[in-house]
Amino acid sequence: MRTEKKCPHCAAWTTWEKQPNDRCGHCQELLDPVALKEKEGRDEKERVFKENDFFRVREEDNFLMVAVRKVGWVLHAIFAAITWAFLWFVTTFAG
């Protein structure tokens, strides 16, 4: 959906598609530089999270490490299922 926004740099009204990288049609400056910085920060946090995820199989992993990661993920899933079942049982039948 297109709307208009007043450019904070040249004070002219320009079309805005509500994207963080939208630019002014007159001066070519960013319409919302704060939103762009926030988006870059979220992208960086997501990249770091994916890098540090133990269960994600990486290209440089050998066969043993791939097996350890997959077995770890299965054990984690089993533990989570038992925990959820226990919590469901307690909350349902507690009265």
N, C-alpha and C. Protein backbone atom coordinates (compact mmCIF):
# COMPACT_ATOMS: atom_id res chain seq x y z
N MET A 1 0.84 -1.17 0.00
CA MET A 1 0.00 0.00 0.00
C MET A 1 0.89 1.24 0.00
N ARG A 2 0.62 2.11 -0.91
CA ARG A 2 1.43 3.32 -1.02
C ARG A 2 0.79 4.45 -0.21
N THR A 3 1.64 5.16 0.48
CA THR A 3 1.23 6.35 1.21
C THR A 3 2.25 7.43 0.90
N GLU A 4 2.04 8.59 1.50
CA GLU A 4 2.99 9.67 1.34
C GLU A 4 3.59 10.01 2.68
N LYS A 5 4.84 10.41 2.64
CA LYS A 5 5.55 10.80 3.85
C LYS A 5 6.36 12.05 3.56
N LYS A 6 6.44 12.89 4.55
CA LYS A 6 7.22 14.11 4.40
C LYS A 6 8.69 13.78 4.68
N CYS A 7 9.53 14.11 3.76
CA CYS A 7 10.96 13.82 3.88
C CYS A 7 11.54 14.63 5.04
N PRO A 8 12.28 13.99 5.94
CA PRO A 8 12.87 14.74 7.05
C PRO A 8 14.03 15.63 6.63
N HIS A 9 14.54 15.46 5.42
CA HIS A 9 15.68 16.24 4.97
C HIS A 9 15.27 17.46 4.15
N CYS A 10 14.41 17.25 3.13
CA CYS A 10 14.05 18.37 2.25
C CYS A 10 12.62 18.86 2.48
N ALA A 11 11.87 18.23 3.36
CA ALA A 11 10.50 18.60 3.73
C ALA A 11 9.52 18.53 2.57
N ALA A 12 9.81 17.73 1.56
CA ALA A 12 8.89 17.54 0.44
C ALA A 12 8.13 16.23 0.64
N TRP A 13 6.89 16.21 0.18
CA TRP A 13 6.08 14.99 0.29
C TRP A 13 6.45 14.05 -0.85
N THR A 14 6.62 12.78 -0.52
CA THR A 14 7.01 11.78 -1.51
C THR A 14 6.29 10.46 -1.22
N THR A 15 6.18 9.61 -2.23
CA THR A 15 5.51 8.33 -2.02
C THR A 15 6.39 7.44 -1.14
N TRP A 16 5.72 6.65 -0.30
CA TRP A 16 6.40 5.83 0.68
C TRP A 16 5.72 4.48 0.72
N GLU A 17 6.47 3.43 0.49
CA GLU A 17 5.91 2.08 0.51
C GLU A 17 6.11 1.40 1.85
N LYS A 18 6.48 2.16 2.86
CA LYS A 18 6.69 1.69 4.23
C LYS A 18 7.79 0.64 4.33
N GLN A 19 8.80 0.78 3.51
CA GLN A 19 9.98 -0.08 3.56
C GLN A 19 11.11 0.71 4.19
N PRO A 20 11.98 0.07 4.96
CA PRO A 20 13.06 0.82 5.62
C PRO A 20 14.07 1.44 4.67
N ASN A 21 14.17 0.92 3.44
CA ASN A 21 15.15 1.48 2.51
C ASN A 21 14.51 2.39 1.46
N ASP A 22 13.29 2.87 1.68
CA ASP A 22 12.65 3.82 0.76
C ASP A 22 13.40 5.15 0.78
N ARG A 23 13.51 5.75 -0.39
CA ARG A 23 14.22 7.02 -0.50
C ARG A 23 13.29 8.11 -1.01
N CYS A 24 13.63 9.34 -0.70
CA CYS A 24 12.87 10.50 -1.15
C CYS A 24 12.99 10.62 -2.66
N GLY A 25 11.89 10.97 -3.32
CA GLY A 25 11.91 11.14 -4.76
C GLY A 25 12.59 12.43 -5.19
N HIS A 26 12.84 13.34 -4.26
CA HIS A 26 13.42 14.64 -4.61
C HIS A 26 14.92 14.71 -4.28
N CYS A 27 15.26 14.34 -3.03
CA CYS A 27 16.67 14.48 -2.61
C CYS A 27 17.39 13.13 -2.48
N GLN A 28 16.70 12.04 -2.66
CA GLN A 28 17.26 10.68 -2.61
C GLN A 28 17.83 10.29 -1.25
N GLU A 29 17.40 10.97 -0.19
CA GLU A 29 17.81 10.59 1.17
C GLU A 29 16.82 9.55 1.71
N LEU A 30 17.25 8.80 2.73
CA LEU A 30 16.37 7.81 3.34
C LEU A 30 15.20 8.49 4.03
N LEU A 31 14.00 7.91 3.86
CA LEU A 31 12.82 8.48 4.50
C LEU A 31 12.74 8.09 5.97
N ASP A 32 13.27 6.91 6.33
CA ASP A 32 13.22 6.46 7.71
C ASP A 32 14.55 5.78 8.07
N PRO A 33 15.59 6.58 8.36
CA PRO A 33 16.90 5.98 8.65
C PRO A 33 16.91 5.16 9.93
N VAL A 34 16.05 5.49 10.90
CA VAL A 34 16.00 4.73 12.15
C VAL A 34 15.50 3.31 11.89
N ALA A 35 14.47 3.17 11.06
CA ALA A 35 13.94 1.84 10.74
C ALA A 35 14.98 1.00 10.00
N LEU A 36 15.78 1.63 9.16
CA LEU A 36 16.82 0.89 8.44
C LEU A 36 17.88 0.38 9.41
N LYS A 37 18.28 1.20 10.39
CA LYS A 37 19.26 0.76 11.38
C LYS A 37 18.69 -0.37 12.23
N GLU A 38 17.41 -0.28 12.59
CA GLU A 38 16.78 -1.35 13.38
C GLU A 38 16.73 -2.65 12.58
N LYS A 39 16.42 -2.56 11.29
CA LYS A 39 16.36 -3.75 10.45
C LYS A 39 17.75 -4.38 10.34
N GLU A 40 18.78 -3.57 10.15
CA GLU A 40 20.14 -4.08 10.08
C GLU A 40 20.54 -4.75 11.39
N GLY A 41 20.13 -4.16 12.51
CA GLY A 41 20.41 -4.76 13.82
C GLY A 41 19.73 -6.11 13.98
N ARG A 42 18.45 -6.21 13.55
CA ARG A 42 17.73 -7.49 13.63
C ARG A 42 18.38 -8.53 12.73
N ASP A 43 18.79 -8.12 11.53
CA ASP A 43 19.45 -9.05 10.61
C ASP A 43 20.77 -9.56 11.20
N GLU A 44 21.52 -8.67 11.85
CA GLU A 44 22.79 -9.06 12.46
C GLU A 44 22.55 -10.04 13.61
N LYS A 45 21.54 -9.78 14.44
CA LYS A 45 21.23 -10.69 15.54
C LYS A 45 20.82 -12.06 15.02
N GLU A 46 20.04 -12.09 13.94
CA GLU A 46 19.62 -13.35 13.35
C GLU A 46 20.82 -14.12 12.79
N ARG A 47 21.75 -13.41 12.15
CA ARG A 47 22.94 -14.05 11.61
C ARG A 47 23.80 -14.65 12.73
N VAL A 48 23.97 -13.90 13.82
CA VAL A 48 24.75 -14.40 14.95
C VAL A 48 24.07 -15.60 15.58
N PHE A 49 22.73 -15.56 15.70
CA PHE A 49 22.00 -16.68 16.27
C PHE A 49 22.18 -17.93 15.42
N LYS A 50 22.10 -17.79 14.11
CA LYS A 50 22.28 -18.94 13.23
C LYS A 50 23.70 -19.47 13.30
N GLU A 51 24.68 -18.58 13.45
CA GLU A 51 26.07 -19.01 13.56
C GLU A 51 26.31 -19.82 14.82
N ASN A 52 25.66 -19.43 15.92
CA ASN A 52 25.89 -20.06 17.21
C ASN A 52 24.93 -21.19 17.52
N ASP A 53 24.05 -21.53 16.61
CA ASP A 53 23.08 -22.60 16.84
C ASP A 53 23.81 -23.94 16.81
N PHE A 54 23.76 -24.67 17.93
CA PHE A 54 24.48 -25.94 18.02
C PHE A 54 23.91 -27.00 17.10
N PHE A 55 22.59 -27.03 16.92
CA PHE A 55 21.95 -28.10 16.17
C PHE A 55 22.01 -27.91 14.66
N ARG A 56 22.45 -26.77 14.18
CA ARG A 56 22.54 -26.54 12.74
C ARG A 56 23.79 -27.21 12.19
N VAL A 57 23.60 -28.05 11.18
CA VAL A 57 24.72 -28.75 10.55
C VAL A 57 25.43 -27.78 9.61
N ARG A 58 26.72 -27.66 9.83
CA ARG A 58 27.53 -26.75 9.02
C ARG A 58 28.23 -27.53 7.90
N GLU A 59 28.64 -26.81 6.88
CA GLU A 59 29.31 -27.46 5.75
C GLU A 59 30.65 -28.06 6.13
N GLU A 60 31.35 -27.44 7.08
CA GLU A 60 32.68 -27.92 7.43
C GLU A 60 32.67 -29.06 8.46
N ASP A 61 31.47 -29.47 8.93
CA ASP A 61 31.38 -30.56 9.90
C ASP A 61 31.71 -31.90 9.26
N ASN A 62 32.45 -32.73 10.01
CA ASN A 62 32.72 -34.07 9.54
C ASN A 62 31.55 -34.99 9.91
N PHE A 63 31.64 -36.26 9.54
CA PHE A 63 30.54 -37.19 9.75
C PHE A 63 30.19 -37.33 11.23
N LEU A 64 31.20 -37.41 12.09
CA LEU A 64 30.96 -37.57 13.52
C LEU A 64 30.22 -36.37 14.10
N MET A 65 30.62 -35.17 13.73
CA MET A 65 29.95 -33.98 14.26
C MET A 65 28.53 -33.87 13.74
N VAL A 66 28.28 -34.25 12.49
CA VAL A 66 26.91 -34.26 11.96
C VAL A 66 26.06 -35.21 12.76
N ALA A 67 26.60 -36.40 13.06
CA ALA A 67 25.86 -37.38 13.86
C ALA A 67 25.58 -36.85 15.26
N VAL A 68 26.56 -36.21 15.88
CA VAL A 68 26.37 -35.64 17.23
C VAL A 68 25.28 -34.58 17.21
N ARG A 69 25.30 -33.72 16.21
CA ARG A 69 24.29 -32.66 16.12
C ARG A 69 22.89 -33.23 15.92
N LYS A 70 22.77 -34.25 15.05
CA LYS A 70 21.46 -34.84 14.80
C LYS A 70 20.94 -35.61 16.01
N VAL A 71 21.80 -36.37 16.67
CA VAL A 71 21.38 -37.09 17.88
C VAL A 71 21.01 -36.09 18.97
N GLY A 72 21.77 -35.03 19.10
CA GLY A 72 21.45 -33.99 20.08
C GLY A 72 20.10 -33.36 19.81
N TRP A 73 19.80 -33.11 18.55
CA TRP A 73 18.51 -32.53 18.20
C TRP A 73 17.37 -33.49 18.53
N VAL A 74 17.56 -34.78 18.25
CA VAL A 74 16.52 -35.77 18.56
C VAL A 74 16.30 -35.86 20.07
N LEU A 75 17.37 -35.90 20.85
CA LEU A 75 17.23 -35.94 22.30
C LEU A 75 16.55 -34.68 22.83
N HIS A 76 16.88 -33.55 22.25
CA HIS A 76 16.25 -32.30 22.63
C HIS A 76 14.75 -32.33 22.33
N ALA A 77 14.36 -32.87 21.17
CA ALA A 77 12.96 -32.96 20.79
C ALA A 77 12.21 -33.92 21.72
N ILE A 78 12.84 -35.03 22.07
CA ILE A 78 12.20 -35.97 23.00
C ILE A 78 12.01 -35.33 24.37
N PHE A 79 13.02 -34.66 24.87
CA PHE A 79 12.92 -33.98 26.16
C PHE A 79 11.80 -32.93 26.13
N ALA A 80 11.72 -32.16 25.05
CA ALA A 80 10.68 -31.14 24.94
C ALA A 80 9.29 -31.78 24.91
N ALA A 81 9.15 -32.89 24.18
CA ALA A 81 7.84 -33.56 24.11
C ALA A 81 7.42 -34.09 25.47
N ILE A 82 8.34 -34.69 26.21
CA ILE A 82 8.01 -35.19 27.55
C ILE A 82 7.65 -34.04 28.47
N THR A 83 8.40 -32.94 28.39
CA THR A 83 8.11 -31.78 29.24
C THR A 83 6.75 -31.19 28.91
N TRP A 84 6.42 -31.04 27.61
CA TRP A 84 5.12 -30.49 27.22
C TRP A 84 3.99 -31.41 27.67
N ALA A 85 4.19 -32.73 27.53
CA ALA A 85 3.16 -33.68 27.95
C ALA A 85 2.95 -33.59 29.46
N PHE A 86 4.02 -33.50 30.22
CA PHE A 86 3.91 -33.37 31.68
C PHE A 86 3.18 -32.08 32.06
N LEU A 87 3.56 -30.98 31.44
CA LEU A 87 2.89 -29.70 31.74
C LEU A 87 1.42 -29.73 31.35
N TRP A 88 1.11 -30.34 30.22
CA TRP A 88 -0.29 -30.47 29.81
C TRP A 88 -1.07 -31.28 30.83
N PHE A 89 -0.48 -32.40 31.27
CA PHE A 89 -1.14 -33.27 32.24
C PHE A 89 -1.38 -32.54 33.54
N VAL A 90 -0.39 -31.83 34.04
CA VAL A 90 -0.51 -31.12 35.32
C VAL A 90 -1.55 -30.01 35.21
N THR A 91 -1.52 -29.23 34.14
CA THR A 91 -2.45 -28.12 34.04
C THR A 91 -3.87 -28.58 33.74
N THR A 92 -4.03 -29.70 33.06
CA THR A 92 -5.37 -30.18 32.73
C THR A 92 -6.04 -30.81 33.93
N PHE A 93 -5.32 -31.60 34.67
CA PHE A 93 -5.94 -32.38 35.74
C PHE A 93 -5.66 -31.83 37.14
N ALA A 94 -5.15 -30.62 37.22
CA ALA A 94 -4.84 -30.04 38.53
C ALA A 94 -6.11 -29.58 39.24
N GLY A 95 -7.14 -29.34 38.52
CA GLY A 95 -8.39 -28.98 39.18
C GLY A 95 -8.79 -27.65 38.78
